[in-house]
């Protein structure tokens, strides 16, 4: 699994998680939790495995502080 925070990306604070054949946009919420972004293209492809998406969210939650640091590195 790989997580990326793009330098020219937009708020809210989020990362892109890549696993298997999917990309999931993961919001890093201010309350210390993660969630799948609330947008139509939050998962690519749109018919990606729901279990793969859950796995991305689980791993993101386990590494929440590191992912916030990655976002902050690029967006201050």
N, C-alpha and C. Protein backbone atom coordinates (compact mmCIF):
# COMPACT_ATOMS: atom_id res chain seq x y z
N UNK A 1 0.84 -1.17 0.00
CA UNK A 1 0.00 0.00 0.00
C UNK A 1 0.88 1.23 0.00
N UNK A 2 0.41 2.25 -0.68
CA UNK A 2 1.16 3.51 -0.78
C UNK A 2 0.18 4.65 -0.58
N UNK A 3 0.62 5.67 0.16
CA UNK A 3 -0.17 6.88 0.36
C UNK A 3 0.60 8.06 -0.20
N UNK A 4 -0.12 8.97 -0.84
CA UNK A 4 0.48 10.15 -1.44
C UNK A 4 -0.35 11.38 -1.08
N UNK A 5 0.35 12.47 -0.78
CA UNK A 5 -0.29 13.79 -0.64
C UNK A 5 0.31 14.67 -1.73
N UNK A 6 -0.51 15.11 -2.65
CA UNK A 6 -0.02 15.91 -3.77
C UNK A 6 0.19 17.36 -3.33
N UNK A 7 1.28 17.95 -3.80
CA UNK A 7 1.66 19.29 -3.36
C UNK A 7 0.66 20.36 -3.79
N UNK A 8 0.03 20.22 -4.90
CA UNK A 8 -0.89 21.24 -5.41
C UNK A 8 -2.35 20.84 -5.17
N UNK A 9 -2.59 19.97 -4.20
CA UNK A 9 -3.93 19.47 -3.95
C UNK A 9 -4.74 20.45 -3.10
N UNK A 10 -5.96 20.16 -2.90
CA UNK A 10 -6.95 21.06 -2.28
C UNK A 10 -7.32 20.58 -0.88
N UNK A 11 -7.94 21.46 -0.13
CA UNK A 11 -8.56 21.10 1.14
C UNK A 11 -9.82 20.30 0.82
N UNK A 12 -10.35 19.52 1.71
CA UNK A 12 -9.89 19.29 3.06
C UNK A 12 -8.65 18.39 3.07
N UNK A 13 -8.03 18.31 4.21
CA UNK A 13 -6.83 17.52 4.43
C UNK A 13 -7.12 16.06 4.05
N UNK A 14 -6.35 15.53 3.10
CA UNK A 14 -6.58 14.17 2.63
C UNK A 14 -5.33 13.60 1.97
N UNK A 15 -5.34 12.30 1.79
CA UNK A 15 -4.28 11.61 1.05
C UNK A 15 -4.95 10.67 0.06
N UNK A 16 -4.15 10.21 -0.90
CA UNK A 16 -4.59 9.24 -1.88
C UNK A 16 -3.94 7.92 -1.51
N UNK A 17 -4.76 6.90 -1.30
CA UNK A 17 -4.26 5.58 -0.95
C UNK A 17 -4.36 4.65 -2.15
N UNK A 18 -3.27 3.96 -2.44
CA UNK A 18 -3.21 3.04 -3.57
C UNK A 18 -2.99 1.63 -3.05
N UNK A 19 -3.88 0.73 -3.44
CA UNK A 19 -3.78 -0.66 -3.00
C UNK A 19 -4.45 -1.54 -4.05
N UNK A 20 -3.80 -2.66 -4.35
CA UNK A 20 -4.33 -3.58 -5.36
C UNK A 20 -4.57 -2.77 -6.64
N UNK A 21 -5.80 -2.74 -7.11
CA UNK A 21 -6.11 -2.02 -8.35
C UNK A 21 -6.92 -0.75 -8.11
N UNK A 22 -6.90 -0.23 -6.88
CA UNK A 22 -7.73 0.95 -6.60
C UNK A 22 -6.91 2.13 -6.09
N UNK A 23 -7.53 3.28 -6.21
CA UNK A 23 -7.07 4.52 -5.56
C UNK A 23 -8.24 5.03 -4.75
N UNK A 24 -8.01 5.32 -3.48
CA UNK A 24 -9.08 5.84 -2.61
C UNK A 24 -8.63 7.17 -2.02
N UNK A 25 -9.49 8.17 -2.09
CA UNK A 25 -9.22 9.47 -1.48
C UNK A 25 -9.68 9.40 -0.02
N UNK A 26 -8.73 9.56 0.89
CA UNK A 26 -8.98 9.38 2.32
C UNK A 26 -8.90 10.73 3.02
N UNK A 27 -10.02 11.17 3.58
CA UNK A 27 -10.03 12.40 4.36
C UNK A 27 -9.40 12.14 5.73
N UNK A 28 -8.53 13.05 6.16
CA UNK A 28 -7.90 13.00 7.49
C UNK A 28 -8.64 14.02 8.34
N UNK A 29 -9.63 13.56 9.05
CA UNK A 29 -10.56 14.43 9.75
C UNK A 29 -9.92 15.07 10.99
N UNK A 30 -10.41 16.23 11.34
CA UNK A 30 -9.88 16.96 12.49
C UNK A 30 -10.11 16.25 13.82
N UNK A 31 -11.09 15.33 13.85
CA UNK A 31 -11.36 14.60 15.08
C UNK A 31 -10.46 13.37 15.25
N UNK A 32 -9.47 13.22 14.36
CA UNK A 32 -8.52 12.12 14.48
C UNK A 32 -8.95 10.83 13.81
N UNK A 33 -9.99 10.90 13.00
CA UNK A 33 -10.45 9.73 12.28
C UNK A 33 -10.23 9.91 10.78
N UNK A 34 -10.43 8.83 10.05
CA UNK A 34 -10.35 8.89 8.59
C UNK A 34 -11.70 8.51 8.01
N UNK A 35 -11.93 8.95 6.78
CA UNK A 35 -13.15 8.55 6.07
C UNK A 35 -12.88 8.63 4.59
N UNK A 36 -13.65 7.89 3.83
CA UNK A 36 -13.59 8.01 2.39
C UNK A 36 -14.14 9.38 2.03
N UNK A 37 -13.46 10.07 1.14
CA UNK A 37 -13.89 11.42 0.75
C UNK A 37 -15.34 11.38 0.25
N UNK A 38 -16.08 12.41 0.55
CA UNK A 38 -17.49 12.48 0.16
C UNK A 38 -17.67 13.06 -1.22
N UNK A 39 -17.11 12.40 -2.22
CA UNK A 39 -17.26 12.87 -3.59
C UNK A 39 -17.46 11.67 -4.50
N UNK A 40 -18.01 11.92 -5.65
CA UNK A 40 -18.36 10.82 -6.57
C UNK A 40 -17.14 10.02 -7.00
N UNK A 41 -15.99 10.68 -7.13
CA UNK A 41 -14.80 9.98 -7.62
C UNK A 41 -13.83 9.62 -6.48
N UNK A 42 -14.35 9.36 -5.29
CA UNK A 42 -13.50 9.06 -4.14
C UNK A 42 -12.76 7.75 -4.31
N UNK A 43 -13.29 6.85 -5.10
CA UNK A 43 -12.64 5.58 -5.38
C UNK A 43 -12.50 5.42 -6.89
N UNK A 44 -11.30 5.07 -7.30
CA UNK A 44 -11.06 4.83 -8.73
C UNK A 44 -10.45 3.46 -8.89
N UNK A 45 -10.94 2.61 -9.77
CA UNK A 45 -12.17 2.81 -10.53
C UNK A 45 -13.39 2.78 -9.61
N UNK A 46 -14.47 3.33 -10.10
CA UNK A 46 -15.68 3.43 -9.30
C UNK A 46 -16.24 2.09 -8.85
N UNK A 47 -15.90 1.05 -9.56
CA UNK A 47 -16.39 -0.28 -9.19
C UNK A 47 -15.31 -1.08 -8.47
N UNK A 48 -14.36 -0.38 -7.84
CA UNK A 48 -13.30 -1.05 -7.09
C UNK A 48 -13.86 -1.86 -5.92
N UNK A 49 -13.10 -2.82 -5.50
CA UNK A 49 -13.51 -3.72 -4.42
C UNK A 49 -13.74 -2.95 -3.12
N UNK A 50 -14.91 -3.14 -2.52
CA UNK A 50 -15.22 -2.47 -1.25
C UNK A 50 -14.29 -2.97 -0.14
N UNK A 51 -13.89 -4.23 -0.20
CA UNK A 51 -12.98 -4.74 0.83
C UNK A 51 -11.60 -4.11 0.69
N UNK A 52 -11.17 -3.83 -0.54
CA UNK A 52 -9.90 -3.13 -0.74
C UNK A 52 -9.98 -1.71 -0.19
N UNK A 53 -11.11 -1.04 -0.40
CA UNK A 53 -11.30 0.32 0.13
C UNK A 53 -11.27 0.29 1.66
N UNK A 54 -11.95 -0.67 2.26
CA UNK A 54 -11.94 -0.80 3.73
C UNK A 54 -10.52 -1.03 4.24
N UNK A 55 -9.75 -1.81 3.50
CA UNK A 55 -8.37 -2.07 3.91
C UNK A 55 -7.55 -0.77 3.88
N UNK A 56 -7.72 0.04 2.83
CA UNK A 56 -7.02 1.32 2.73
C UNK A 56 -7.39 2.19 3.93
N UNK A 57 -8.68 2.25 4.28
CA UNK A 57 -9.12 3.08 5.40
C UNK A 57 -8.57 2.56 6.73
N UNK A 58 -8.50 1.26 6.88
CA UNK A 58 -7.96 0.67 8.11
C UNK A 58 -6.49 1.02 8.28
N UNK A 59 -5.73 0.86 7.22
CA UNK A 59 -4.29 1.16 7.29
C UNK A 59 -4.08 2.66 7.49
N UNK A 60 -4.90 3.49 6.83
CA UNK A 60 -4.78 4.94 7.02
C UNK A 60 -5.05 5.31 8.47
N UNK A 61 -6.03 4.69 9.09
CA UNK A 61 -6.33 4.98 10.50
C UNK A 61 -5.16 4.58 11.39
N UNK A 62 -4.52 3.47 11.08
CA UNK A 62 -3.39 3.00 11.87
C UNK A 62 -2.19 3.94 11.76
N UNK A 63 -2.09 4.66 10.65
CA UNK A 63 -0.95 5.56 10.40
C UNK A 63 -1.39 7.01 10.32
N UNK A 64 -2.46 7.33 11.04
CA UNK A 64 -3.07 8.66 10.96
C UNK A 64 -2.06 9.78 11.16
N UNK A 65 -1.29 9.73 12.23
CA UNK A 65 -0.35 10.82 12.55
C UNK A 65 0.69 10.99 11.45
N UNK A 66 1.20 9.89 10.91
CA UNK A 66 2.18 9.97 9.83
C UNK A 66 1.56 10.60 8.58
N UNK A 67 0.32 10.27 8.29
CA UNK A 67 -0.34 10.82 7.10
C UNK A 67 -0.66 12.30 7.28
N UNK A 68 -1.02 12.70 8.48
CA UNK A 68 -1.22 14.13 8.74
C UNK A 68 0.10 14.87 8.56
N UNK A 69 1.18 14.30 9.05
CA UNK A 69 2.51 14.92 8.90
C UNK A 69 2.87 15.05 7.42
N UNK A 70 2.53 14.03 6.63
CA UNK A 70 2.78 14.09 5.18
C UNK A 70 1.99 15.23 4.55
N UNK A 71 0.71 15.36 4.90
CA UNK A 71 -0.11 16.45 4.38
C UNK A 71 0.48 17.81 4.78
N UNK A 72 0.80 17.94 6.06
CA UNK A 72 1.33 19.20 6.58
C UNK A 72 2.66 19.57 5.94
N UNK A 73 3.47 18.59 5.62
CA UNK A 73 4.76 18.84 4.95
C UNK A 73 4.56 19.61 3.65
N UNK A 74 3.48 19.30 2.94
CA UNK A 74 3.23 19.94 1.65
C UNK A 74 2.32 21.15 1.74
N UNK A 75 1.49 21.22 2.77
CA UNK A 75 0.47 22.27 2.83
C UNK A 75 0.54 23.16 4.05
N UNK A 76 1.45 22.85 4.98
CA UNK A 76 1.64 23.68 6.15
C UNK A 76 0.41 23.87 6.93
